[in-house]
Amino acid sequence: MAKLKKPPKKARMATVEVNSSRQAHSESAHDHAIAPAKGKLGVMIPGMGAVATTFVAGVEAVRKGIAHPIGSLTQMGTIRLGKRTDGRSPKIKEFVPLAGLNDLVFTGWDIFEDNMYAAARNAGVLERDLLDKVKGRLSAIKPMKAVFDHNYVKKIDGPNVKKGKNKLDLAEQLRQDIRDFKKSSGASRLVTIWCASTETFIEPSAAHQSVKALEKAMKENDENIAPSMIYAYASLMEGVPFANGAPNLTVDVPAMLELSREREVPICGKDFKTGQTLIKTVLAPAFKARLLGVSGWYSTNILGNRDGEVLDDPGSFKTKEESKLGALEHILQPALYPELYGNIFHKVRINYYPPRGDNKEGWDNIDIFGWLGYPMQIKVDFLCRDSILAAPIVLDLVLFLDLAQRTPELRRLGIQEWLSFYFKSPMTAPGLYPEHDLFIQLIKLKNTLRYLKGEELITHLGLEYYD
């Protein structure tokens, strides 16, 4: 993340577990810079499949008091302030001014015409008894026609698709959708979060290097402009923050960064960190911390939902594979520890297996070695529910992106690296390697919130307890 400016105030000795070089800043300077979360927050979702319907149904269930928002940092998480001995650990939603769940309103785009209740039934993630209790709200959410091209997602197709003379025209249609929803819903603010399928692998090209080049490419129907980029462009042009929940290139190109900074609209991505990669970013830091070597890491998955079907296509799998492979190299840093991690065999496989549905199973075989090179093994079998793990991530990203949009110091950055905690392949400033370690990511997130509220950053130094 780009360096945050330090207010012009004298440095002083740390009073909590902080780096003594950190300069204090007044609470009022930052607290007053965050605009309040007044009015409704509109949530716009490209892709009303398993993840989106599980998220919206869950929010409705929590609103009704029939479920708890388990897995959501914004709803259940706390943040320590000051010394360990101070006993100050408010809930995050009470510490920073987040939108309330009752203020959320929803819409989306999808290639199928099913309303959100029917789509949730079809996804098969949540039990019918729960869905029926929120049926009224879900049934009222009908998908707008989607921007879709079968060439980018080869395994699925649907009838509810926009037509236009070129991709720039399609972007204009999306912009009109955004304006219409804001008016009809009465929302004062909006966030777009991509919950649609993984697109085929695209490498950055000349079309992605500037806003001018991007718009020219859209007008010319350049094949390097995928549908997700059209959604992102439309959102940013309308001043709407954009989160990318898939490994698609989407906003991770110079043109989108230019647009987000020019218009001061936050962006983040890529690829929700839910199952197997979540476990990897917990275990790999442990091996590195104890300087245990890794000779091999074999990961395979079976998955039967629409995501699994889409990833059965080699092009879409290539996009996902790139996202899943990067975490280990960045965490273990083989160039710095060649004896321990310089010769890892790392393999990732995803297999479409319809009987499993949304209940993904991920196996990991990890070959490690310890003192004097003696080998050991760890085997992990994670029987997880893909959309159940993704739904609270969607909620947190919506609320935190809205917070960033209301915070001048954050929205000017464009990329919200402090939200890396939620992604397999976190976006960063050009030339900056990403942090994949889950615990470093959480420290980064919470310290960003402390910074915004004028609280001391916590590094867990702790020397002051022994003065």
Protein backbone atom coordinates (compact mmCIF):
# COMPACT_ATOMS: atom_id res chain seq x y z
CA MET A 1 0.00 0.00 0.00
CA ALA A 2 1.23 3.47 -0.70
CA LYS A 3 2.69 5.20 2.32
CA LEU A 4 0.15 7.02 4.41
CA LYS A 5 1.14 10.55 5.31
CA LYS A 6 2.25 11.15 8.86
CA PRO A 7 0.74 14.23 10.42
CA PRO A 8 3.20 16.96 11.44
CA LYS A 9 3.43 16.24 15.11
CA LYS A 10 6.41 15.57 17.35
CA ALA A 11 7.53 11.96 17.64
CA ARG A 12 7.27 10.49 21.11
CA MET A 13 8.11 7.25 22.82
CA ALA A 14 5.66 4.42 22.22
CA THR A 15 3.17 3.95 25.02
CA VAL A 16 1.89 0.61 23.75
CA GLU A 17 3.39 -2.23 21.75
CA VAL A 18 4.44 -0.05 18.84
CA ASN A 19 7.49 0.75 16.82
CA SER A 20 9.01 3.80 18.47
CA SER A 21 9.57 5.44 15.08
CA ARG A 22 5.81 5.67 14.58
CA GLN A 23 4.66 9.23 15.08
CA ALA A 24 1.46 9.86 16.95
CA HIS A 25 -1.34 11.75 15.33
CA SER A 26 -4.47 13.29 16.73
CA GLU A 27 -7.71 11.39 16.67
CA SER A 28 -9.64 14.36 15.38
CA ALA A 29 -7.44 14.78 12.30
CA HIS A 30 -8.48 11.37 11.02
CA ASP A 31 -11.75 10.68 12.80
CA HIS A 32 -13.36 13.78 11.29
CA ALA A 33 -12.04 12.88 7.81
CA ILE A 34 -14.24 9.77 7.66
CA ALA A 35 -17.66 10.72 6.38
CA PRO A 36 -20.53 9.09 8.30
CA ALA A 37 -22.37 6.10 6.83
CA LYS A 38 -25.62 7.97 6.21
CA GLY A 39 -28.42 6.44 4.18
CA LYS A 40 -28.62 3.17 2.30
CA LEU A 41 -25.65 1.32 0.83
CA GLY A 42 -26.39 -0.35 -2.50
CA VAL A 43 -24.60 -3.62 -3.20
CA MET A 44 -24.32 -4.53 -6.89
CA ILE A 45 -23.22 -8.05 -7.73
CA PRO A 46 -22.19 -9.34 -11.15
CA GLY A 47 -23.01 -13.04 -10.88
CA MET A 48 -26.04 -14.07 -8.81
CA GLY A 49 -24.93 -17.66 -8.24
CA ALA A 50 -24.01 -19.65 -5.15
CA VAL A 51 -21.75 -17.07 -3.48
CA ALA A 52 -24.00 -14.07 -4.09
CA THR A 53 -27.22 -15.81 -3.02
CA THR A 54 -25.59 -17.28 0.08
CA PHE A 55 -24.32 -13.82 1.01
CA VAL A 56 -27.64 -12.01 0.51
CA ALA A 57 -29.73 -14.77 2.12
CA GLY A 58 -27.35 -14.74 5.06
CA VAL A 59 -27.62 -10.98 5.52
CA GLU A 60 -31.42 -11.26 5.44
CA ALA A 61 -31.33 -14.09 8.01
CA VAL A 62 -29.08 -12.08 10.32
CA ARG A 63 -31.39 -9.07 9.96
CA LYS A 64 -34.30 -11.26 11.06
CA GLY A 65 -32.34 -12.51 14.06
CA ILE A 66 -32.52 -16.16 12.97
CA ALA A 67 -28.77 -16.59 12.31
CA HIS A 68 -25.38 -15.20 13.30
CA PRO A 69 -22.85 -13.61 10.90
CA ILE A 70 -20.17 -16.19 11.67
CA GLY A 71 -16.94 -15.62 9.75
CA SER A 72 -17.47 -11.88 9.38
CA LEU A 73 -14.72 -9.72 10.86
CA THR A 74 -16.85 -6.59 10.52
CA GLN A 75 -19.73 -8.09 12.50
CA MET A 76 -18.07 -10.34 15.09
CA GLY A 77 -14.43 -9.27 15.20
CA THR A 78 -12.83 -7.09 17.86
CA ILE A 79 -9.81 -4.81 17.73
CA ARG A 80 -7.38 -4.30 20.59
CA LEU A 81 -6.57 -0.69 21.42
CA GLY A 82 -3.70 0.42 23.62
CA LYS A 83 -1.83 -1.83 26.04
CA ARG A 84 -2.74 -5.41 26.79
CA THR A 85 -3.40 -4.24 30.32
CA ASP A 86 -5.88 -1.56 29.20
CA GLY A 87 -8.67 -4.00 28.46
CA ARG A 88 -9.88 -2.02 25.41
CA SER A 89 -11.16 -4.36 22.69
CA PRO A 90 -14.30 -2.96 21.07
CA LYS A 91 -16.03 -4.66 18.19
CA ILE A 92 -14.75 -3.37 14.86
CA LYS A 93 -18.23 -2.26 13.82
CA GLU A 94 -18.37 -0.10 16.95
CA PHE A 95 -14.86 1.28 16.45
CA VAL A 96 -15.15 2.52 12.86
CA PRO A 97 -18.29 3.93 11.20
CA LEU A 98 -19.43 1.01 9.05
CA ALA A 99 -22.78 0.78 7.30
CA GLY A 100 -25.31 -1.28 9.24
CA LEU A 101 -26.80 -4.46 7.82
CA ASN A 102 -30.25 -2.87 7.84
CA ASP A 103 -28.97 -0.20 5.46
CA LEU A 104 -27.94 -2.65 2.71
CA VAL A 105 -29.95 -2.95 -0.50
CA PHE A 106 -29.10 -5.43 -3.25
CA THR A 107 -29.15 -5.91 -6.98
CA GLY A 108 -27.15 -7.88 -9.50
CA TRP A 109 -26.60 -9.04 -13.05
CA ASP A 110 -26.74 -12.63 -14.23
CA ILE A 111 -26.95 -14.60 -17.48
CA PHE A 112 -29.89 -16.56 -16.03
CA GLU A 113 -33.28 -14.97 -15.34
CA ASP A 114 -33.95 -16.59 -11.94
CA ASN A 115 -34.67 -14.25 -9.06
CA MET A 116 -32.38 -14.56 -6.08
CA TYR A 117 -34.64 -17.01 -4.22
CA ALA A 118 -34.84 -19.34 -7.22
CA ALA A 119 -31.10 -18.97 -7.81
CA ALA A 120 -30.39 -19.84 -4.17
CA ARG A 121 -32.63 -22.92 -4.42
CA ASN A 122 -30.81 -23.96 -7.56
CA ALA A 123 -27.38 -23.42 -5.97
CA GLY A 124 -28.29 -25.88 -3.21
CA VAL A 125 -26.06 -24.31 -0.56
CA LEU A 126 -28.65 -23.31 2.04
CA GLU A 127 -31.49 -25.42 3.41
CA ARG A 128 -34.95 -24.70 2.08
CA ASP A 129 -36.29 -24.00 5.57
CA LEU A 130 -33.87 -21.08 5.96
CA LEU A 131 -34.47 -19.79 2.44
CA ASP A 132 -38.23 -19.84 2.91
CA LYS A 133 -37.89 -17.55 5.92
CA VAL A 134 -36.28 -14.89 3.72
CA LYS A 135 -38.12 -15.75 0.51
CA GLY A 136 -39.94 -12.44 0.22
CA ARG A 137 -36.78 -10.33 0.16
CA LEU A 138 -34.89 -12.73 -2.11
CA SER A 139 -37.72 -13.13 -4.61
CA ALA A 140 -37.84 -9.37 -5.08
CA ILE A 141 -34.23 -9.28 -6.33
CA LYS A 142 -34.32 -9.99 -10.07
CA PRO A 143 -31.15 -9.96 -12.16
CA MET A 144 -30.47 -7.30 -14.73
CA LYS A 145 -29.21 -8.48 -18.10
CA ALA A 146 -25.54 -9.33 -17.90
CA VAL A 147 -22.55 -8.39 -20.00
CA PHE A 148 -21.34 -11.84 -21.01
CA ASP A 149 -19.25 -13.44 -23.72
CA HIS A 150 -19.06 -17.21 -24.03
CA ASN A 151 -15.48 -16.92 -25.30
CA TYR A 152 -14.32 -15.92 -21.80
CA VAL A 153 -16.33 -18.52 -19.83
CA LYS A 154 -16.73 -21.53 -22.09
CA LYS A 155 -18.57 -23.99 -19.86
CA ILE A 156 -21.77 -22.00 -19.24
CA ASP A 157 -24.18 -19.89 -21.22
CA GLY A 158 -27.51 -18.18 -20.59
CA PRO A 159 -30.24 -16.06 -22.19
CA ASN A 160 -30.23 -12.95 -19.97
CA VAL A 161 -27.48 -11.08 -21.83
CA LYS A 162 -27.09 -7.50 -23.04
CA LYS A 163 -26.47 -6.66 -26.67
CA GLY A 164 -24.55 -3.63 -27.89
CA LYS A 165 -22.63 -2.32 -30.87
CA ASN A 166 -19.33 -2.65 -29.00
CA LYS A 167 -17.89 -3.12 -25.51
CA LEU A 168 -17.90 0.60 -24.78
CA ASP A 169 -21.61 0.64 -25.56
CA LEU A 170 -22.10 -2.27 -23.15
CA ALA A 171 -20.23 -0.29 -20.50
CA GLU A 172 -22.60 2.63 -21.06
CA GLN A 173 -25.55 0.27 -20.57
CA LEU A 174 -24.05 -0.88 -17.26
CA ARG A 175 -23.55 2.73 -16.21
CA GLN A 176 -27.22 3.35 -16.84
CA ASP A 177 -28.08 0.26 -14.76
CA ILE A 178 -26.00 1.70 -11.92
CA ARG A 179 -27.69 5.09 -12.12
CA ASP A 180 -31.15 3.50 -12.32
CA PHE A 181 -30.52 1.27 -9.29
CA LYS A 182 -29.21 4.12 -7.22
CA LYS A 183 -32.35 6.10 -7.99
CA SER A 184 -34.85 3.27 -7.54
CA SER A 185 -33.29 1.91 -4.35
CA GLY A 186 -32.73 5.28 -2.72
CA ALA A 187 -29.11 4.32 -2.01
CA SER A 188 -26.76 7.17 -1.17
CA ARG A 189 -23.66 5.07 -1.88
CA LEU A 190 -22.83 1.99 -3.95
CA VAL A 191 -20.28 -0.84 -4.08
CA THR A 192 -19.76 -3.41 -6.87
CA ILE A 193 -18.37 -6.83 -5.98
CA TRP A 194 -17.63 -9.45 -8.63
CA CYS A 195 -19.06 -12.85 -7.63
CA ALA A 196 -19.30 -14.25 -11.16
CA SER A 197 -17.26 -16.99 -12.80
CA THR A 198 -13.54 -17.18 -13.43
CA GLU A 199 -12.75 -15.95 -16.93
CA THR A 200 -10.20 -17.43 -19.29
CA PHE A 201 -6.58 -16.44 -18.75
CA ILE A 202 -5.60 -13.02 -20.12
CA GLU A 203 -2.17 -11.41 -19.90
CA PRO A 204 -1.72 -7.63 -19.64
CA SER A 205 -1.44 -6.02 -23.06
CA ALA A 206 -1.24 -2.61 -24.69
CA ALA A 207 -5.02 -2.29 -24.32
CA HIS A 208 -4.63 -2.23 -20.52
CA GLN A 209 -1.89 0.38 -20.20
CA SER A 210 -3.98 3.56 -19.95
CA VAL A 211 -7.59 4.67 -19.71
CA LYS A 212 -7.36 6.06 -23.23
CA ALA A 213 -6.07 2.74 -24.57
CA LEU A 214 -8.73 0.83 -22.62
CA GLU A 215 -11.57 2.92 -24.03
CA LYS A 216 -10.17 2.60 -27.55
CA ALA A 217 -9.93 -1.18 -27.11
CA MET A 218 -13.51 -1.38 -25.86
CA LYS A 219 -14.74 0.63 -28.82
CA GLU A 220 -12.87 -1.75 -31.14
CA ASN A 221 -14.13 -4.89 -29.34
CA ASP A 222 -10.57 -5.92 -28.50
CA GLU A 223 -10.47 -9.52 -27.27
CA ASN A 224 -8.18 -8.42 -24.41
CA ILE A 225 -11.14 -6.65 -22.77
CA ALA A 226 -13.03 -9.30 -20.79
CA PRO A 227 -16.58 -8.76 -19.45
CA SER A 228 -15.33 -8.25 -15.89
CA MET A 229 -13.27 -5.29 -17.10
CA ILE A 230 -16.41 -3.73 -18.61
CA TYR A 231 -18.16 -3.97 -15.22
CA ALA A 232 -15.12 -2.51 -13.47
CA TYR A 233 -14.82 0.37 -15.95
CA ALA A 234 -18.53 1.18 -15.65
CA SER A 235 -18.38 1.12 -11.85
CA LEU A 236 -15.30 3.33 -11.61
CA MET A 237 -16.70 5.80 -14.11
CA GLU A 238 -19.77 6.08 -11.89
CA GLY A 239 -17.63 6.57 -8.78
CA VAL A 240 -18.45 3.12 -7.40
CA PRO A 241 -15.76 1.06 -5.56
CA PHE A 242 -15.03 -2.33 -7.15
CA ALA A 243 -13.88 -5.60 -5.54
CA ASN A 244 -12.82 -8.56 -7.67
CA GLY A 245 -13.69 -11.90 -6.07
CA ALA A 246 -12.29 -13.99 -8.94
CA PRO A 247 -8.70 -14.40 -10.20
CA ASN A 248 -9.50 -12.50 -13.42
CA LEU A 249 -7.17 -9.67 -14.42
CA THR A 250 -10.08 -7.16 -14.25
CA VAL A 251 -8.85 -4.15 -12.21
CA ASP A 252 -5.27 -5.37 -11.82
CA VAL A 253 -4.01 -3.37 -14.82
CA PRO A 254 -2.51 0.13 -15.16
CA ALA A 255 -5.62 1.56 -16.85
CA MET A 256 -7.90 0.64 -13.95
CA LEU A 257 -5.40 1.91 -11.38
CA GLU A 258 -5.18 5.18 -13.32
CA LEU A 259 -8.96 5.47 -13.40
CA SER A 260 -9.39 4.61 -9.72
CA ARG A 261 -6.82 7.19 -8.62
CA GLU A 262 -8.05 9.83 -11.03
CA ARG A 263 -11.61 9.46 -9.78
CA GLU A 264 -10.64 8.57 -6.19
CA VAL A 265 -12.55 5.29 -6.18
CA PRO A 266 -11.18 2.29 -4.20
CA ILE A 267 -10.42 -1.04 -5.89
CA CYS A 268 -9.24 -4.38 -4.51
CA GLY A 269 -8.79 -8.03 -5.48
CA LYS A 270 -8.14 -10.73 -6.55
CA ASP A 271 -9.88 -14.04 -5.82
CA PHE A 272 -11.61 -14.65 -2.49
CA LYS A 273 -9.36 -16.58 -0.08
CA THR A 274 -11.70 -19.28 1.19
CA GLY A 275 -10.61 -22.93 1.40
CA GLN A 276 -7.34 -24.51 0.44
CA THR A 277 -5.39 -21.27 0.01
CA LEU A 278 -6.63 -20.05 3.39
CA ILE A 279 -5.05 -23.13 4.96
CA LYS A 280 -1.86 -22.62 2.92
CA THR A 281 -1.45 -19.07 4.17
CA VAL A 282 -1.75 -20.36 7.74
CA LEU A 283 0.61 -23.37 7.47
CA ALA A 284 3.33 -21.88 5.25
CA PRO A 285 4.09 -19.01 7.68
CA ALA A 286 4.43 -21.61 10.47
CA PHE A 287 7.00 -23.59 8.48
CA LYS A 288 8.93 -20.44 7.66
CA ALA A 289 8.80 -19.16 11.24
CA ARG A 290 10.34 -22.42 12.52
CA LEU A 291 12.68 -22.69 9.50
CA LEU A 292 11.33 -26.09 8.48
CA GLY A 293 12.10 -26.96 4.87
CA VAL A 294 9.48 -27.83 2.27
CA SER A 295 10.31 -30.17 -0.60
CA GLY A 296 6.82 -30.59 -2.03
CA TRP A 297 3.23 -29.40 -1.71
CA TYR A 298 0.57 -31.24 -3.67
CA SER A 299 -2.93 -29.75 -3.61
CA THR A 300 -6.02 -31.14 -5.25
CA ASN A 301 -9.70 -30.27 -5.02
CA ILE A 302 -13.04 -31.72 -5.99
CA LEU A 303 -15.90 -29.28 -6.48
CA GLY A 304 -19.32 -29.72 -8.05
CA ASN A 305 -20.90 -26.26 -8.21
CA ARG A 306 -20.94 -23.85 -11.16
CA ASP A 307 -17.46 -22.69 -10.20
CA GLY A 308 -16.19 -26.23 -10.53
CA GLU A 309 -17.87 -26.60 -13.91
CA VAL A 310 -16.34 -23.35 -15.18
CA LEU A 311 -12.88 -24.37 -13.94
CA ASP A 312 -13.14 -27.59 -15.95
CA ASP A 313 -12.19 -25.42 -18.92
CA PRO A 314 -8.38 -25.22 -19.31
CA GLY A 315 -8.42 -21.44 -19.92
CA SER A 316 -10.39 -20.65 -16.78
CA PHE A 317 -8.32 -23.15 -14.78
CA LYS A 318 -5.12 -21.41 -15.93
CA THR A 319 -6.43 -18.15 -14.43
CA LYS A 320 -7.23 -19.90 -11.13
CA GLU A 321 -3.95 -21.84 -11.10
CA GLU A 322 -1.91 -18.65 -11.39
CA SER A 323 -3.77 -17.25 -8.39
CA LYS A 324 -3.37 -20.36 -6.22
CA LEU A 325 0.31 -20.97 -7.03
CA GLY A 326 1.63 -17.53 -6.04
CA ALA A 327 1.06 -17.64 -2.28
CA LEU A 328 3.80 -20.12 -1.35
CA GLU A 329 6.59 -18.39 -3.24
CA HIS A 330 5.81 -15.01 -1.69
CA ILE A 331 5.49 -16.40 1.84
CA LEU A 332 8.47 -18.77 1.81
CA GLN A 333 10.84 -16.50 -0.20
CA PRO A 334 13.01 -19.23 -1.77
CA ALA A 335 15.58 -16.70 -2.98
CA LEU A 336 16.33 -15.81 0.67
CA TYR A 337 16.11 -19.41 1.93
CA PRO A 338 17.40 -21.58 -0.93
CA GLU A 339 18.34 -24.51 1.32
CA LEU A 340 14.80 -24.70 2.70
CA TYR A 341 12.51 -23.68 -0.15
CA GLY A 342 14.66 -23.45 -3.30
CA ASN A 343 13.48 -26.73 -4.80
CA ILE A 344 9.78 -27.05 -3.95
CA PHE A 345 7.56 -29.12 -6.19
CA HIS A 346 4.22 -27.31 -6.00
CA LYS A 347 1.22 -28.74 -7.83
CA VAL A 348 -2.41 -27.58 -7.82
CA ARG A 349 -5.34 -29.50 -9.28
CA ILE A 350 -9.09 -28.78 -9.38
CA ASN A 351 -11.49 -31.48 -10.54
CA TYR A 352 -15.14 -30.98 -11.40
CA TYR A 353 -17.20 -33.58 -9.52
CA PRO A 354 -20.95 -32.80 -9.68
CA PRO A 355 -22.12 -35.04 -6.78
CA ARG A 356 -20.19 -32.89 -4.30
CA GLY A 357 -22.04 -29.67 -5.20
CA ASP A 358 -20.87 -26.64 -3.24
CA ASN A 359 -19.19 -28.82 -0.62
CA LYS A 360 -15.64 -28.62 -1.85
CA GLU A 361 -13.02 -31.03 -0.60
CA GLY A 362 -9.37 -30.03 -0.66
CA TRP A 363 -6.51 -32.44 -0.03
CA ASP A 364 -2.97 -31.30 0.66
CA ASN A 365 0.07 -33.52 0.92
CA ILE A 366 3.02 -31.54 2.28
CA ASP A 367 6.53 -32.99 2.40
CA ILE A 368 8.67 -31.10 4.89
CA PHE A 369 12.08 -31.69 6.45
CA GLY A 370 13.63 -30.68 9.73
CA TRP A 371 16.84 -30.95 11.76
CA LEU A 372 19.66 -32.53 9.72
CA GLY A 373 17.30 -32.89 6.76
CA TYR A 374 15.09 -35.63 8.19
CA PRO A 375 11.79 -35.83 6.24
CA MET A 376 8.26 -35.52 7.68
CA GLN A 377 4.79 -35.27 6.18
CA ILE A 378 1.61 -33.34 6.87
CA LYS A 379 -1.70 -34.27 5.26
CA VAL A 380 -4.74 -32.02 5.32
CA ASP A 381 -8.24 -32.95 4.20
CA PHE A 382 -10.48 -29.89 4.34
CA LEU A 383 -14.15 -30.69 3.72
CA CYS A 384 -15.41 -27.16 3.35
CA ARG A 385 -18.43 -25.35 2.00
CA ASP A 386 -17.16 -22.95 -0.61
CA SER A 387 -19.94 -20.36 -0.55
CA ILE A 388 -20.33 -20.52 3.24
CA LEU A 389 -16.69 -19.42 3.52
CA ALA A 390 -17.02 -16.79 0.78
CA ALA A 391 -20.23 -15.09 1.97
CA PRO A 392 -18.75 -13.32 5.04
CA ILE A 393 -15.80 -12.19 2.89
CA VAL A 394 -18.25 -10.53 0.52
CA LEU A 395 -19.96 -8.77 3.43
CA ASP A 396 -16.70 -7.51 4.91
CA LEU A 397 -15.39 -6.26 1.58
CA VAL A 398 -18.61 -4.39 0.86
CA LEU A 399 -18.51 -2.63 4.23
CA PHE A 400 -14.77 -1.92 4.23
CA LEU A 401 -14.78 -0.63 0.63
CA ASP A 402 -17.61 1.70 1.55
CA LEU A 403 -15.54 2.87 4.54
CA ALA A 404 -12.57 3.46 2.21
CA GLN A 405 -14.75 5.49 -0.16
CA ARG A 406 -15.81 7.71 2.75
CA THR A 407 -12.18 8.18 3.84
CA PRO A 408 -10.25 10.63 1.61
CA GLU A 409 -6.85 9.27 2.62
CA LEU A 410 -7.81 5.75 1.54
CA ARG A 411 -9.83 6.43 -1.59
CA ARG A 412 -6.98 8.49 -3.06
CA LEU A 413 -4.77 5.39 -2.96
CA GLY A 414 -6.82 3.46 -5.48
CA ILE A 415 -5.66 -0.04 -4.51
CA GLN A 416 -6.72 -1.03 -0.99
CA GLU A 417 -3.84 -3.30 -0.05
CA TRP A 418 -5.01 -3.36 3.57
CA LEU A 419 -7.80 -5.68 2.37
CA SER A 420 -5.30 -8.34 1.22
CA PHE A 421 -6.58 -10.47 4.12
CA TYR A 422 -9.49 -11.54 1.93
CA PHE A 423 -7.70 -12.48 -1.30
CA LYS A 424 -5.61 -15.30 -2.76
CA SER A 425 -3.74 -12.94 -5.06
CA PRO A 426 -3.71 -9.50 -3.41
CA MET A 427 -3.32 -6.40 -5.51
CA THR A 428 -0.49 -4.03 -4.62
CA ALA A 429 1.16 -0.89 -5.94
CA PRO A 430 3.17 -1.58 -9.14
CA GLY A 431 6.47 -3.26 -8.34
CA LEU A 432 5.54 -4.12 -4.75
CA TYR A 433 5.33 -7.80 -3.81
CA PRO A 434 2.14 -8.81 -1.99
CA GLU A 435 1.88 -10.07 1.57
CA HIS A 436 0.20 -13.49 1.63
CA ASP A 437 0.78 -14.44 5.27
CA LEU A 438 -2.73 -14.41 6.79
CA PHE A 439 -1.50 -13.05 10.12
CA ILE A 440 0.55 -10.22 8.60
CA GLN A 441 -2.50 -9.38 6.50
CA LEU A 442 -4.71 -9.19 9.60
CA ILE A 443 -2.19 -6.96 11.39
CA LYS A 444 -2.11 -4.71 8.32
CA LEU A 445 -5.91 -4.48 8.25
CA LYS A 446 -6.32 -3.72 11.94
CA ASN A 447 -3.44 -1.26 12.02
CA THR A 448 -5.05 0.61 9.11
CA LEU A 449 -8.23 0.95 11.17
CA ARG A 450 -6.23 2.08 14.22
CA TYR A 451 -4.41 4.63 12.08
CA LEU A 452 -7.63 6.07 10.72
CA LYS A 453 -8.98 6.56 14.22
CA GLY A 454 -5.82 8.07 15.68
CA GLU A 455 -4.92 5.04 17.81
CA GLU A 456 -1.36 3.81 18.21
CA LEU A 457 -0.32 1.04 15.88
CA ILE A 458 0.40 -2.30 17.53
CA THR A 459 3.51 -4.28 16.62
CA HIS A 460 3.61 -6.50 19.74
CA LEU A 461 7.02 -5.23 20.84
CA GLY A 462 5.94 -5.05 24.46
CA LEU A 463 9.14 -3.76 26.07
CA GLU A 464 7.24 -1.18 28.09
CA TYR A 465 5.70 -3.88 30.26
CA TYR A 466 9.19 -4.62 31.66
CA ASP A 467 10.39 -1.08 32.40
